[in-house]
Protein backbone atom coordinates (compact mmCIF):
# COMPACT_ATOMS: atom_id res chain seq x y z
CA MET A 1 -15.48 -3.16 -32.40
CA LYS A 2 -15.81 -5.24 -30.80
CA ILE A 3 -13.47 -6.01 -27.77
CA GLU A 4 -13.58 -9.93 -26.10
CA ASN A 5 -12.08 -11.25 -23.42
CA SER A 6 -10.43 -14.40 -24.65
CA ILE A 7 -8.54 -14.89 -21.05
CA LYS A 8 -11.29 -17.51 -19.17
CA ALA A 9 -10.47 -17.54 -14.76
CA THR A 10 -8.76 -20.33 -13.65
CA PRO A 11 -10.15 -21.67 -11.18
CA ILE A 12 -7.54 -21.99 -7.83
CA PRO A 13 -7.83 -25.69 -6.06
CA GLY A 14 -10.19 -25.27 -2.89
CA GLU A 15 -11.90 -22.19 -3.55
CA ALA A 16 -15.05 -21.58 -4.10
CA PRO A 17 -16.09 -19.83 -7.77
CA ALA A 18 -16.02 -16.61 -7.93
CA ALA A 19 -19.77 -15.51 -8.54
CA LYS A 20 -21.11 -14.36 -12.28
CA SER A 21 -22.81 -11.15 -12.62
CA GLY A 22 -26.64 -11.54 -10.45
CA GLN A 23 -25.26 -14.48 -9.30
CA LYS A 24 -25.26 -15.01 -5.11
CA ALA A 25 -21.19 -15.66 -4.47
CA PRO A 26 -21.25 -19.24 -2.07
CA ALA A 27 -20.37 -18.65 1.16
CA ALA A 28 -17.60 -19.30 2.19
CA ILE A 29 -15.73 -21.81 4.11
CA ALA A 30 -13.58 -22.05 7.02
CA ALA A 31 -12.20 -24.42 9.04
CA ALA A 32 -12.00 -23.61 12.42
CA ASP A 33 -8.87 -25.24 12.95
CA ASP A 34 -6.91 -21.92 11.39
CA SER A 35 -6.33 -19.03 13.69
CA VAL A 36 -2.96 -16.34 13.91
CA GLU A 37 -1.61 -15.27 16.99
CA LEU A 38 0.92 -12.13 16.74
CA SER A 39 3.84 -11.96 19.07
CA ALA A 40 3.56 -9.60 21.84
CA GLN A 41 6.50 -6.86 20.73
CA LEU A 42 4.67 -7.30 17.37
CA LYS A 43 1.32 -6.14 19.22
CA ASN A 44 3.22 -3.56 21.19
CA LEU A 45 4.86 -1.94 17.79
CA GLU A 46 1.17 -1.93 16.33
CA LYS A 47 -0.60 -0.35 19.45
CA SER A 48 2.52 1.43 19.47
CA LEU A 49 1.82 2.14 15.00
CA SER A 50 -1.93 2.83 15.88
CA SER A 51 -1.54 5.85 17.97
CA SER A 52 0.89 7.74 16.18
CA GLU A 53 0.00 10.07 13.45
CA VAL A 54 1.33 9.23 9.72
CA PHE A 55 2.61 12.73 9.04
CA ASP A 56 3.76 16.05 11.14
CA THR A 57 -0.33 17.99 10.71
CA THR A 58 2.11 20.76 11.91
CA ARG A 59 4.91 21.23 9.37
CA VAL A 60 2.61 20.28 5.87
CA ALA A 61 0.46 23.25 7.04
CA GLU A 62 3.15 25.24 7.36
CA ILE A 63 4.47 24.62 4.04
CA LYS A 64 0.42 24.87 2.78
CA GLN A 65 1.46 28.11 3.85
CA ALA A 66 4.64 28.98 2.41
CA ILE A 67 3.71 28.13 -1.08
CA SER A 68 0.50 30.02 -0.86
CA GLU A 69 2.13 33.72 0.39
CA GLY A 70 5.38 32.77 -2.25
CA ARG A 71 7.71 32.35 0.67
CA PHE A 72 8.13 27.98 -0.49
CA ALA A 73 11.80 27.49 -1.73
CA VAL A 74 12.80 24.33 -3.62
CA ASN A 75 17.27 23.40 -3.74
CA PRO A 76 16.24 21.56 -7.15
CA GLU A 77 20.20 19.89 -5.98
CA LYS A 78 18.36 18.18 -2.49
CA VAL A 79 16.52 17.62 -5.34
CA ALA A 80 18.35 15.52 -7.54
CA ASP A 81 20.29 14.06 -4.74
CA GLN A 82 17.67 12.65 -3.17
CA LEU A 83 16.38 11.28 -6.39
CA LEU A 84 19.40 9.30 -7.24
CA GLU A 85 19.11 7.45 -4.43
CA THR A 86 16.02 6.70 -4.41
CA VAL A 87 16.81 5.26 -7.96
CA ARG A 88 20.40 3.45 -6.76
CA ASP A 89 18.48 2.08 -3.51
CA LEU A 90 16.20 0.48 -7.04
CA ILE A 91 18.85 -0.39 -8.77
CA GLN A 92 21.21 -2.38 -5.80
CA GLY A 93 17.01 -3.37 -5.52
CA ARG A 94 16.55 -5.44 -8.05
CA GLN A 95 19.73 -6.61 -8.09
CA ARG A 96 20.11 -9.43 -4.85
């Protein structure tokens, strides 16, 4: 059974058309006036976030060790409470 792609891509006005397989894409056209300037506050925030860890590697290592030794205990009540809280947040977000 052959499935055909019946949806045709519609080009966006002002954008170069996408290249077909085996063809080179046209060179991108950039206006010389296009620029973005970040605020000093955002630059400072970006700098502080880039120097910090996304998660606590020490804590992750402790949890891995506890799991491998069989001493990691899951509190099902806490998991359920957090799950319900997440669902409430999601529902409230949809109602806005």
